[in-house]
Amino acid sequence: MTNPYGVSDAEFNIIKLQAARRAGLRKEFIKQKTNPFKHASEAGYVFDPALQKFLSMKVTSLEHFQANTRTSLFGFCAIVLPMFTYGYVLWKHRTNRENQIRSGELRYRDRSFKFA
């Protein structure tokens, strides 16, 4: 028999266990946070070693970065290629517009930025 949430019983039990674990961790954090004597040395903040490891990893990620083919291709495709493509499109549009203006194909009143 399925439950009314549209997931199997095994998945529903896993979700319930995760919610119970999350509630227990939240209760423990609130208990530590509201204790006025426990964290006086840390300026009132609860020290979480897992969060500290994560933040330290994020800060020092550049020091541990090693370039390889995949990261180089990603950098080229995500940064260099779009910049050059956009530059080429702008250059092509402006040269076509300039050629239309110089050859008289584009009337003066149809120009954009004619007063600039």
C-alpha atoms as a PDB file:
ATOM      1  CA  MET A   1       0.000   0.000   0.000  1.00  0.00           C
ATOM      2  CA  THR A   2       1.304   3.434  -0.867  1.00  0.00           C
ATOM      3  CA  ASN A   3       1.054   6.472   1.291  1.00  0.00           C
ATOM      4  CA  PRO A   4      -0.810   9.610   0.157  1.00  0.00           C
ATOM      5  CA  TYR A   5       2.423  11.478  -0.720  1.00  0.00           C
ATOM      6  CA  GLY A   6       3.136   9.529  -3.912  1.00  0.00           C
ATOM      7  CA  VAL A   7       6.369   7.827  -2.811  1.00  0.00           C
ATOM      8  CA  SER A   8       7.075   4.275  -1.799  1.00  0.00           C
ATOM      9  CA  ASP A   9       7.068   3.207   1.837  1.00  0.00           C
ATOM     10  CA  ALA A  10      10.849   2.779   1.885  1.00  0.00           C
ATOM     11  CA  GLU A  11      11.407   6.298   0.560  1.00  0.00           C
ATOM     12  CA  PHE A  12       8.816   7.640   2.998  1.00  0.00           C
ATOM     13  CA  ASN A  13      10.633   5.993   5.908  1.00  0.00           C
ATOM     14  CA  ILE A  14      13.954   7.455   4.741  1.00  0.00           C
ATOM     15  CA  ILE A  15      12.379  10.912   4.536  1.00  0.00           C
ATOM     16  CA  LYS A  16      10.936  10.514   8.038  1.00  0.00           C
ATOM     17  CA  LEU A  17      14.345   9.439   9.414  1.00  0.00           C
ATOM     18  CA  GLN A  18      16.042  12.404   7.749  1.00  0.00           C
ATOM     19  CA  ALA A  19      13.439  14.788   9.170  1.00  0.00           C
ATOM     20  CA  ALA A  20      13.878  13.307  12.653  1.00  0.00           C
ATOM     21  CA  ARG A  21      17.667  13.601  12.397  1.00  0.00           C
ATOM     22  CA  ARG A  22      17.378  17.192  11.170  1.00  0.00           C
ATOM     23  CA  ALA A  23      15.020  18.043  14.051  1.00  0.00           C
ATOM     24  CA  GLY A  24      17.394  16.481  16.568  1.00  0.00           C
ATOM     25  CA  LEU A  25      20.372  18.396  15.196  1.00  0.00           C
ATOM     26  CA  ARG A  26      18.357  21.601  15.230  1.00  0.00           C
ATOM     27  CA  LYS A  27      17.321  21.001  18.827  1.00  0.00           C
ATOM     28  CA  GLU A  28      20.951  20.361  19.842  1.00  0.00           C
ATOM     29  CA  PHE A  29      22.128  23.506  18.028  1.00  0.00           C
ATOM     30  CA  ILE A  30      19.476  25.671  19.711  1.00  0.00           C
ATOM     31  CA  LYS A  31      20.384  24.148  23.075  1.00  0.00           C
ATOM     32  CA  GLN A  32      24.067  24.995  22.562  1.00  0.00           C
ATOM     33  CA  LYS A  33      23.338  28.423  21.099  1.00  0.00           C
ATOM     34  CA  THR A  34      21.146  29.507  23.991  1.00  0.00           C
ATOM     35  CA  ASN A  35      23.536  28.276  26.699  1.00  0.00           C
ATOM     36  CA  PRO A  36      25.132  31.520  27.971  1.00  0.00           C
ATOM     37  CA  PHE A  37      28.191  29.839  29.532  1.00  0.00           C
ATOM     38  CA  LYS A  38      29.211  27.162  27.018  1.00  0.00           C
ATOM     39  CA  HIS A  39      30.463  29.327  24.146  1.00  0.00           C
ATOM     40  CA  ALA A  40      31.700  32.414  25.957  1.00  0.00           C
ATOM     41  CA  SER A  41      35.243  31.840  24.650  1.00  0.00           C
ATOM     42  CA  GLU A  42      34.039  31.761  21.004  1.00  0.00           C
ATOM     43  CA  ALA A  43      32.186  35.099  21.270  1.00  0.00           C
ATOM     44  CA  GLY A  44      28.826  33.360  21.575  1.00  0.00           C
ATOM     45  CA  TYR A  45      29.056  31.293  18.387  1.00  0.00           C
ATOM     46  CA  VAL A  46      28.653  27.535  18.232  1.00  0.00           C
ATOM     47  CA  PHE A  47      31.768  25.997  16.693  1.00  0.00           C
ATOM     48  CA  ASP A  48      30.856  23.458  14.047  1.00  0.00           C
ATOM     49  CA  PRO A  49      33.899  21.481  12.863  1.00  0.00           C
ATOM     50  CA  ALA A  50      32.198  20.292   9.671  1.00  0.00           C
ATOM     51  CA  LEU A  51      31.284  23.847   8.699  1.00  0.00           C
ATOM     52  CA  GLN A  52      34.811  25.013   9.513  1.00  0.00           C
ATOM     53  CA  LYS A  53      36.294  22.293   7.289  1.00  0.00           C
ATOM     54  CA  PHE A  54      33.952  23.245   4.453  1.00  0.00           C
ATOM     55  CA  LEU A  55      34.751  26.953   4.714  1.00  0.00           C
ATOM     56  CA  SER A  56      38.487  26.232   4.910  1.00  0.00           C
ATOM     57  CA  MET A  57      38.206  24.053   1.815  1.00  0.00           C
ATOM     58  CA  LYS A  58      36.384  26.817  -0.077  1.00  0.00           C
ATOM     59  CA  VAL A  59      38.989  29.424   0.884  1.00  0.00           C
ATOM     60  CA  THR A  60      41.998  27.281  -0.045  1.00  0.00           C
ATOM     61  CA  SER A  61      40.549  25.746  -3.206  1.00  0.00           C
ATOM     62  CA  LEU A  62      42.654  28.001  -5.438  1.00  0.00           C
ATOM     63  CA  GLU A  63      45.855  26.811  -3.767  1.00  0.00           C
ATOM     64  CA  HIS A  64      44.981  23.175  -4.510  1.00  0.00           C
ATOM     65  CA  PHE A  65      43.750  23.765  -8.079  1.00  0.00           C
ATOM     66  CA  GLN A  66      45.562  21.836 -10.802  1.00  0.00           C
ATOM     67  CA  ALA A  67      44.903  22.659 -14.420  1.00  0.00           C
ATOM     68  CA  ASN A  68      44.145  19.768 -16.723  1.00  0.00           C
ATOM     69  CA  THR A  69      42.500  19.307 -20.099  1.00  0.00           C
ATOM     70  CA  ARG A  70      38.969  19.352 -18.728  1.00  0.00           C
ATOM     71  CA  THR A  71      39.359  22.539 -16.682  1.00  0.00           C
ATOM     72  CA  SER A  72      41.207  24.254 -19.535  1.00  0.00           C
ATOM     73  CA  LEU A  73      38.456  23.387 -22.007  1.00  0.00           C
ATOM     74  CA  PHE A  74      35.816  24.560 -19.544  1.00  0.00           C
ATOM     75  CA  GLY A  75      37.607  27.873 -19.053  1.00  0.00           C
ATOM     76  CA  PHE A  76      37.982  28.341 -22.788  1.00  0.00           C
ATOM     77  CA  CYS A  77      34.359  27.434 -23.579  1.00  0.00           C
ATOM     78  CA  ALA A  78      32.834  29.336 -20.655  1.00  0.00           C
ATOM     79  CA  ILE A  79      34.959  32.499 -20.717  1.00  0.00           C
ATOM     80  CA  VAL A  80      37.106  33.020 -23.804  1.00  0.00           C
ATOM     81  CA  LEU A  81      34.834  31.694 -26.549  1.00  0.00           C
ATOM     82  CA  PRO A  82      31.710  33.698 -25.522  1.00  0.00           C
ATOM     83  CA  MET A  83      33.770  36.895 -25.244  1.00  0.00           C
ATOM     84  CA  PHE A  84      35.236  36.511 -28.721  1.00  0.00           C
ATOM     85  CA  THR A  85      31.888  35.452 -30.185  1.00  0.00           C
ATOM     86  CA  TYR A  86      30.141  38.471 -28.703  1.00  0.00           C
ATOM     87  CA  GLY A  87      32.946  40.745 -29.896  1.00  0.00           C
ATOM     88  CA  TYR A  88      32.721  39.330 -33.420  1.00  0.00           C
ATOM     89  CA  VAL A  89      28.934  39.756 -33.517  1.00  0.00           C
ATOM     90  CA  LEU A  90      29.266  43.386 -32.390  1.00  0.00           C
ATOM     91  CA  TRP A  91      32.050  44.076 -34.886  1.00  0.00           C
ATOM     92  CA  LYS A  92      30.084  42.490 -37.746  1.00  0.00           C
ATOM     93  CA  HIS A  93      26.915  44.440 -36.883  1.00  0.00           C
ATOM     94  CA  ARG A  94      28.759  47.756 -36.638  1.00  0.00           C
ATOM     95  CA  THR A  95      30.682  47.288 -39.878  1.00  0.00           C
ATOM     96  CA  ASN A  96      27.479  46.343 -41.731  1.00  0.00           C
ATOM     97  CA  ARG A  97      25.720  49.383 -40.258  1.00  0.00           C
ATOM     98  CA  GLU A  98      28.661  51.626 -41.182  1.00  0.00           C
ATOM     99  CA  ASN A  99      28.688  50.286 -44.751  1.00  0.00           C
ATOM    100  CA  GLN A 100      24.934  50.875 -45.056  1.00  0.00           C
ATOM    101  CA  ILE A 101      25.333  54.461 -43.830  1.00  0.00           C
ATOM    102  CA  ARG A 102      28.312  55.209 -46.109  1.00  0.00           C
ATOM    103  CA  SER A 103      26.674  53.722 -49.200  1.00  0.00           C
ATOM    104  CA  GLY A 104      23.405  55.569 -48.617  1.00  0.00           C
ATOM    105  CA  GLU A 105      21.247  52.469 -48.112  1.00  0.00           C
ATOM    106  CA  LEU A 106      20.191  53.699 -44.674  1.00  0.00           C
ATOM    107  CA  ARG A 107      18.377  57.040 -44.577  1.00  0.00           C
ATOM    108  CA  TYR A 108      19.362  59.611 -42.004  1.00  0.00           C
ATOM    109  CA  ARG A 109      16.026  59.570 -40.186  1.00  0.00           C
ATOM    110  CA  ASP A 110      16.178  55.736 -39.828  1.00  0.00           C
ATOM    111  CA  ARG A 111      19.533  55.856 -38.046  1.00  0.00           C
ATOM    112  CA  SER A 112      19.691  55.206 -34.338  1.00  0.00           C
ATOM    113  CA  PHE A 113      21.801  57.638 -32.266  1.00  0.00           C
ATOM    114  CA  LYS A 114      21.647  60.296 -35.001  1.00  0.00           C
ATOM    115  CA  PHE A 115      21.963  63.145 -32.490  1.00  0.00           C
ATOM    116  CA  ALA A 116      24.960  61.748 -30.668  1.00  0.00           C
END
